[in-house]
C-alpha cells in the first residue's frame, strides 16, 4: 500500500510541511529510512537526523520543533502531530490489517465438536481443536494447531495464534490476542505433603478469566485457580515468557514484561508496570500505580504508589543511593 504525505496528514490531523505529494509504502528508523519509507521522531536527540535522513515522510511530535524553517524542502515531507509514536502506531495498525487480513472459514483437517456454532466471519485453522460446548464470538481467529478445551468462551474478534492452548472452562474476553504457545488454564502449582512426606496433588478445579482487550505474549502461562478464578483484568498486556500463578489477579491496564513471575493468590493493582524478571511472592497485594524495575523482588505487600527497585524492592531513589554506596564500599 502506498500513501501520500497529504493523505497521512489528513488521517492524523497533522500539520504538513514540505512535499505534500511524497509517497511512502514502508516504514523504517529515521537514521536508515529511504525515500519510499516513513519514519518518526519523539526524542530531541534524533532531531539532527532531520538534516540527514532520506525518509520520504517524517512524523514529529510537535513539542520538539517548529518546522516553519523546513517548509520549503521539496523532496521530503514533515508532519507535526501531538504524539509521533502514537501516530505511528495508528498507521501501523492500518498496515498490519492490510498485511495480515482477517481470515474466514474452517480449514481441514481440524476438529470442531458437534453443536459448536462457528460465526460466519470466524476462522478455524488446520489442525485446530475446538471442544464441546465452546462458545465463539464474531470474528474470532483461531490459527492452526490451537487447542480450545470444553466449555470455553471466547469473545468477539479475539485471536489465538498457532499453538495457543486454552484449557477447559476458561473465559477469554473480546478483542484479545493470545500469541503462539500461550497456555491458559494449566493446573496451578498446588501440592500438599502427606504423612510419609510425599507431595500429593491438590486438584485445581477453578478457571482463568481474561477480560477484554488483553494481550498475552508467546509462551506465557496463566494457571487456573484452585477454586474460583485466576483473573486478568481489562487492557492488561503480558509480554512473552510471563508466569501467572493460580488465583492471581492482574489489574486493569497493567504491563508485565518478559520473565515476570507472580506466585499464587497475589493481587496486582491497576496501571502497574513490572519490568523484566520482576518476581512477586504469593499471597500479597500491590496497590495501583506502582512501577517495579527489572529483577525487582517483591516479598511483601506494597500499599503506596511509586517506583521501586531491588530485592527486597524499596523506593527507587533509595535503591540508587544504596547501589552507589555498595560500589564505593567494594572499591575500598
Protein backbone atom coordinates (compact mmCIF):
# COMPACT_ATOMS: atom_id res chain seq x y z
CA UNK A 1 0.00 0.00 0.00
CA UNK A 2 1.20 3.49 -0.87
CA UNK A 3 0.17 6.71 0.89
CA UNK A 4 0.97 10.33 0.17
CA UNK A 5 2.06 12.84 2.78
CA UNK A 6 -1.20 14.72 2.27
CA UNK A 7 -3.27 11.60 2.91
CA UNK A 8 -1.32 10.79 6.07
CA UNK A 9 -1.57 14.36 7.38
CA UNK A 10 -5.34 14.35 6.86
CA UNK A 11 -5.69 10.94 8.51
CA UNK A 12 -3.68 12.02 11.56
CA UNK A 13 -4.88 15.63 11.71
CA UNK A 14 -1.24 16.74 11.48
CA UNK A 15 0.49 19.89 10.24
CA UNK A 16 2.21 19.22 6.90
CA UNK A 17 5.46 20.86 5.74
CA UNK A 18 7.42 20.17 2.58
CA UNK A 19 6.40 17.86 -0.25
CA UNK A 20 2.68 17.06 0.06
CA UNK A 21 2.99 14.58 -2.78
CA UNK A 22 5.73 12.48 -1.18
CA UNK A 23 4.81 8.78 -1.40
CA UNK A 24 5.69 6.02 1.08
CA UNK A 25 5.00 2.30 1.12
CA UNK A 26 7.10 1.15 4.08
CA UNK A 27 8.41 2.25 7.48
CA UNK A 28 11.93 2.41 8.94
CA UNK A 29 14.03 4.08 11.69
CA UNK A 30 14.84 7.69 10.88
CA UNK A 31 18.59 7.03 10.63
CA UNK A 32 18.28 4.38 7.90
CA UNK A 33 14.99 5.26 6.17
CA UNK A 34 14.90 5.62 2.39
CA UNK A 35 12.73 7.90 0.20
CA UNK A 36 9.91 5.32 -0.01
CA UNK A 37 9.76 4.93 3.76
CA UNK A 38 8.06 6.76 6.63
CA UNK A 39 9.71 7.36 10.00
CA UNK A 40 9.10 9.27 13.22
CA UNK A 41 10.88 11.32 15.90
CA UNK A 42 9.74 11.59 19.52
CA UNK A 43 13.04 12.49 21.21
CA UNK A 44 15.22 15.60 20.88
CA UNK A 45 18.37 13.53 20.42
CA UNK A 46 17.11 12.44 16.99
CA UNK A 47 16.40 15.98 15.72
CA UNK A 48 19.81 16.24 13.97
CA UNK A 49 18.60 13.40 11.76
CA UNK A 50 16.19 15.84 10.14
CA UNK A 51 19.10 17.27 8.17
CA UNK A 52 20.45 13.91 7.01
CA UNK A 53 17.55 11.46 6.82
CA UNK A 54 16.45 10.23 3.41
CA UNK A 55 12.97 9.30 4.68
CA UNK A 56 10.21 10.45 2.37
CA UNK A 57 7.96 11.40 5.29
CA UNK A 58 8.84 12.01 8.94
CA UNK A 59 6.31 12.31 11.76
CA UNK A 60 7.48 14.63 14.55
CA UNK A 61 5.99 15.34 17.96
CA UNK A 62 5.00 18.99 17.75
CA UNK A 63 6.53 19.94 21.11
CA UNK A 64 10.03 19.16 19.77
CA UNK A 65 10.49 21.64 16.94
CA UNK A 66 8.91 24.46 14.95
CA UNK A 67 9.29 23.34 11.34
CA UNK A 68 8.46 26.58 9.57
CA UNK A 69 12.09 26.84 8.50
CA UNK A 70 11.80 23.47 6.74
CA UNK A 71 8.63 24.12 4.76
CA UNK A 72 10.49 24.88 1.51
CA UNK A 73 12.13 21.47 1.30
CA UNK A 74 10.99 19.96 -1.97
CA UNK A 75 11.73 16.26 -1.73
CA UNK A 76 10.67 15.35 1.79
CA UNK A 77 7.61 15.89 3.95
CA UNK A 78 7.42 16.55 7.69
CA UNK A 79 4.20 16.16 9.63
CA UNK A 80 3.77 17.65 13.10
CA UNK A 81 1.46 15.63 15.34
CA UNK A 82 0.75 15.74 19.09
CA UNK A 83 2.45 12.37 19.66
CA UNK A 84 4.57 10.94 16.85
CA UNK A 85 4.83 7.50 18.44
CA UNK A 86 1.07 7.29 18.89
CA UNK A 87 0.53 8.49 15.32
CA UNK A 88 2.96 5.86 14.05
CA UNK A 89 1.08 3.20 15.99
CA UNK A 90 -2.16 4.33 14.35
CA UNK A 91 -0.62 3.96 10.89
CA UNK A 92 0.95 0.60 11.73
CA UNK A 93 -2.46 -0.73 12.76
CA UNK A 94 -3.72 0.06 9.27
CA UNK A 95 -0.65 -1.54 7.69
CA UNK A 96 -0.91 -4.64 9.88
CA UNK A 97 -4.52 -5.24 8.84
CA UNK A 98 -3.53 -4.93 5.20
CA UNK A 99 -0.57 -7.32 5.59
CA UNK A 100 -2.43 -9.94 7.66
CA UNK A 101 -6.15 -9.53 6.97
CA UNK A 102 -8.76 -11.44 8.98
CA UNK A 103 -9.46 -14.92 7.65
CA UNK A 104 -12.72 -16.81 7.29
CA UNK A 105 -13.84 -20.38 7.19
CA UNK A 106 -12.86 -23.74 8.67
CA UNK A 107 -9.72 -25.34 7.27
CA UNK A 108 -9.34 -29.10 7.11
CA UNK A 109 -8.20 -31.18 8.80
CA UNK A 110 -9.44 -29.67 12.05
CA UNK A 111 -11.80 -30.81 14.79
CA UNK A 112 -14.87 -28.88 15.91
CA UNK A 113 -17.12 -30.67 18.41
CA UNK A 114 -20.68 -31.34 17.39
CA UNK A 115 -23.05 -28.50 18.19
CA UNK A 116 -20.42 -25.75 18.36
CA UNK A 117 -21.57 -22.76 16.31
CA UNK A 118 -18.93 -21.12 14.13
CA UNK A 119 -19.81 -17.50 13.24
CA UNK A 120 -19.78 -16.77 9.51
CA UNK A 121 -16.85 -14.36 9.88
CA UNK A 122 -14.76 -16.61 12.15
CA UNK A 123 -11.68 -18.63 11.19
CA UNK A 124 -10.57 -22.09 12.36
CA UNK A 125 -7.12 -23.08 11.09
CA UNK A 126 -5.89 -26.51 10.10
CA UNK A 127 -5.25 -28.99 12.94
CA UNK A 128 -7.02 -26.76 15.47
CA UNK A 129 -9.18 -28.45 18.12
CA UNK A 130 -12.43 -26.94 19.42
CA UNK A 131 -14.04 -28.89 22.26
CA UNK A 132 -17.60 -29.44 23.43
CA UNK A 133 -19.87 -26.54 24.38
CA UNK A 134 -17.35 -23.94 23.23
CA UNK A 135 -18.85 -20.52 22.52
CA UNK A 136 -17.12 -18.42 19.89
CA UNK A 137 -17.74 -14.71 19.31
CA UNK A 138 -17.96 -12.94 15.97
CA UNK A 139 -14.74 -12.59 14.02
CA UNK A 140 -12.74 -14.98 16.21
CA UNK A 141 -9.46 -16.08 14.60
CA UNK A 142 -8.13 -19.47 15.69
CA UNK A 143 -4.86 -20.29 13.94
CA UNK A 144 -3.52 -23.77 13.14
CA UNK A 145 -2.75 -26.18 15.98
CA UNK A 146 -4.52 -24.08 18.60
CA UNK A 147 -6.41 -26.03 21.27
CA UNK A 148 -9.67 -24.93 22.90
CA UNK A 149 -10.97 -27.20 25.63
CA UNK A 150 -14.55 -27.97 26.59
CA UNK A 151 -16.85 -25.21 27.87
CA UNK A 152 -14.51 -22.38 26.89
CA UNK A 153 -15.96 -18.98 25.96
CA UNK A 154 -14.09 -16.67 23.56
CA UNK A 155 -15.32 -13.13 22.89
CA UNK A 156 -15.68 -11.22 19.63
CA UNK A 157 -12.60 -10.54 17.46
CA UNK A 158 -10.18 -12.40 19.71
CA UNK A 159 -7.16 -14.00 18.03
CA UNK A 160 -5.44 -17.23 19.10
CA UNK A 161 -2.21 -17.67 17.16
CA UNK A 162 -0.68 -21.01 16.24
CA UNK A 163 -0.26 -23.41 19.11
CA UNK A 164 -2.07 -21.39 21.77
CA UNK A 165 -3.83 -23.62 24.33
CA UNK A 166 -6.93 -22.79 26.37
CA UNK A 167 -7.92 -25.44 28.91
CA UNK A 168 -11.49 -26.35 29.83
CA UNK A 169 -13.94 -23.88 31.44
CA UNK A 170 -11.79 -20.79 30.84
CA UNK A 171 -13.22 -17.47 29.65
CA UNK A 172 -11.47 -15.19 27.14
CA UNK A 173 -12.95 -11.73 26.50
CA UNK A 174 -13.35 -9.70 23.32
CA UNK A 175 -10.51 -8.16 21.27
CA UNK A 176 -7.83 -10.24 22.98
CA UNK A 177 -4.64 -11.61 21.41
CA UNK A 178 -3.01 -14.86 22.55
CA UNK A 179 0.34 -15.37 20.86
CA UNK A 180 1.91 -18.66 19.84
CA UNK A 181 2.47 -21.12 22.64
CA UNK A 182 0.48 -19.27 25.29
CA UNK A 183 -1.11 -21.68 27.78
CA UNK A 184 -4.25 -20.57 29.59
CA UNK A 185 -5.64 -22.69 32.41
CA UNK A 186 -2.98 -25.31 33.10
CA UNK A 187 -3.11 -26.59 36.68
CA UNK A 188 -1.91 -24.29 39.43
CA UNK A 189 1.15 -25.47 41.35
CA UNK A 190 -0.70 -26.96 44.29
CA UNK A 191 0.67 -29.86 46.39
CA UNK A 192 0.44 -30.99 50.00
CA UNK A 193 2.82 -33.43 51.72
CA UNK A 194 1.15 -36.49 53.21
CA UNK A 195 2.16 -38.29 56.42
CA UNK A 196 5.04 -40.00 54.63
CA UNK A 197 6.30 -36.74 53.16
CA UNK A 198 5.11 -37.45 49.63
CA UNK A 199 3.80 -34.45 47.72
CA UNK A 200 0.15 -35.07 46.86
CA UNK A 201 -1.54 -33.07 44.15
CA UNK A 202 -4.33 -30.69 45.16
CA UNK A 203 -6.91 -30.72 42.35
CA UNK A 204 -7.20 -27.34 40.64
CA UNK A 205 -10.90 -27.02 39.79
CA UNK A 206 -11.16 -23.28 39.16
CA UNK A 207 -10.58 -21.48 35.86
CA UNK A 208 -8.96 -18.46 34.23
CA UNK A 209 -10.95 -15.35 33.28
CA UNK A 210 -9.33 -12.95 30.82
CA UNK A 211 -11.26 -9.73 30.32
CA UNK A 212 -11.49 -7.63 27.13
CA UNK A 213 -8.56 -6.07 25.23
CA UNK A 214 -5.86 -8.21 26.86
CA UNK A 215 -2.73 -9.33 25.02
CA UNK A 216 -0.83 -12.45 26.11
CA UNK A 217 2.73 -12.95 24.81
CA UNK A 218 4.27 -16.06 23.30
CA UNK A 219 4.89 -18.96 25.71
CA UNK A 220 3.29 -17.11 28.60
CA UNK A 221 1.43 -19.33 31.07
CA UNK A 222 -1.56 -18.45 33.25
CA UNK A 223 -2.53 -21.13 35.76
CA UNK A 224 -6.12 -21.97 36.61
CA UNK A 225 -7.32 -21.30 40.14
CA UNK A 226 -7.53 -23.98 42.76
CA UNK A 227 -11.05 -22.67 43.42
CA UNK A 228 -12.65 -19.61 41.88
CA UNK A 229 -10.75 -17.78 39.11
CA UNK A 230 -7.34 -16.50 38.14
CA UNK A 231 -8.21 -13.10 36.65
CA UNK A 232 -6.50 -10.88 34.07
CA UNK A 233 -8.31 -7.55 34.07
CA UNK A 234 -9.20 -5.42 31.07
CA UNK A 235 -6.45 -3.99 28.85
CA UNK A 236 -3.59 -5.73 30.65
CA UNK A 237 -0.57 -6.51 28.46
CA UNK A 238 1.61 -9.53 29.24
CA UNK A 239 4.93 -9.98 27.45
CA UNK A 240 6.48 -13.28 26.35
CA UNK A 241 7.52 -15.85 28.97
CA UNK A 242 5.45 -14.47 31.84
CA UNK A 243 4.24 -16.88 34.56
CA UNK A 244 0.99 -16.17 36.44
CA UNK A 245 0.22 -18.48 39.35
CA UNK A 246 -3.14 -19.80 40.48
CA UNK A 247 -5.73 -17.40 41.92
CA UNK A 248 -3.67 -14.33 40.96
CA UNK A 249 -5.44 -11.14 39.91
CA UNK A 250 -3.65 -8.86 37.42
CA UNK A 251 -5.12 -5.36 37.37
CA UNK A 252 -6.57 -3.18 34.64
CA UNK A 253 -4.03 -1.80 32.14
CA UNK A 254 -1.04 -3.47 33.82
CA UNK A 255 2.21 -4.07 31.90
CA UNK A 256 4.09 -7.28 32.74
CA UNK A 257 7.40 -7.56 30.89
CA UNK A 258 9.30 -10.69 29.91
CA UNK A 259 10.02 -13.33 32.57
CA UNK A 260 7.90 -11.70 35.25
CA UNK A 261 6.64 -14.29 37.72
CA UNK A 262 3.72 -13.89 40.12
CA UNK A 263 3.15 -16.54 42.76
CA UNK A 264 -0.27 -17.83 43.74
CA UNK A 265 -3.07 -15.74 45.24
CA UNK A 266 -1.33 -12.38 44.87
CA UNK A 267 -3.26 -9.34 43.66
CA UNK A 268 -1.71 -6.64 41.46
CA UNK A 269 -3.46 -3.26 41.31
CA UNK A 270 -4.34 -1.30 38.19
CA UNK A 271 -1.90 0.65 35.99
CA UNK A 272 1.17 -1.12 37.36
CA UNK A 273 4.37 -1.94 35.47
CA UNK A 274 6.57 -4.91 36.32
CA UNK A 275 9.81 -4.79 34.32
CA UNK A 276 11.68 -7.87 33.12
CA UNK A 277 12.32 -10.70 35.60
CA UNK A 278 10.50 -8.98 38.45
CA UNK A 279 9.18 -11.55 40.92
CA UNK A 280 6.15 -11.31 43.19
CA UNK A 281 5.75 -13.58 46.22
CA UNK A 282 2.47 -15.35 46.93
CA UNK A 283 -0.49 -14.07 48.94
CA UNK A 284 0.45 -10.36 48.83
CA UNK A 285 -1.24 -7.23 47.42
CA UNK A 286 0.23 -4.41 45.35
CA UNK A 287 -1.68 -1.16 45.14
CA UNK A 288 -2.46 0.79 41.95
CA UNK A 289 0.13 2.85 40.03
CA UNK A 290 3.29 1.03 41.06
CA UNK A 291 6.38 0.56 38.89
CA UNK A 292 8.97 -2.13 39.66
CA UNK A 293 12.38 -2.12 37.99
CA UNK A 294 13.95 -5.11 36.27
CA UNK A 295 14.77 -8.06 38.56
CA UNK A 296 12.96 -6.49 41.50
CA UNK A 297 11.84 -8.91 44.18
CA UNK A 298 8.55 -8.13 45.93
CA UNK A 299 8.24 -10.33 49.05
CA UNK A 300 5.68 -8.20 50.89
CA UNK A 301 2.55 -6.19 50.14
CA UNK A 302 3.05 -2.69 48.70
CA UNK A 303 0.49 -0.15 49.93
CA UNK A 304 1.86 3.09 48.46
CA UNK A 305 2.03 4.03 44.75
CA UNK A 306 5.55 4.73 43.50
CA UNK A 307 8.62 3.39 41.73
CA UNK A 308 10.52 0.54 43.37
CA UNK A 309 13.72 -1.38 42.66
CA UNK A 310 15.93 -4.07 44.14
CA UNK A 311 15.41 -7.01 46.45
CA UNK A 312 13.58 -6.58 48.61
CA UNK A 313 12.01 -3.87 46.44
CA UNK A 314 12.33 -0.43 48.03
CA UNK A 315 11.84 3.15 46.87
CA UNK A 316 13.85 3.56 43.66
CA UNK A 317 15.70 6.69 44.79
CA UNK A 318 16.81 4.96 47.98
CA UNK A 319 17.89 1.91 45.99
CA UNK A 320 20.01 4.00 43.62
CA UNK A 321 21.79 5.68 46.52
CA UNK A 322 22.38 2.29 48.12
CA UNK A 323 23.90 0.92 44.91
CA UNK A 324 26.35 3.83 44.83
CA UNK A 325 27.40 3.01 48.40
CA UNK A 326 27.75 -0.67 47.52
CA UNK A 327 30.14 0.22 44.71
CA UNK A 328 32.08 2.61 46.90
CA UNK A 329 32.47 0.07 49.66
CA UNK A 330 33.69 -2.52 47.17
CA UNK A 331 36.44 -0.19 45.99
CA UNK A 332 37.97 0.30 49.42
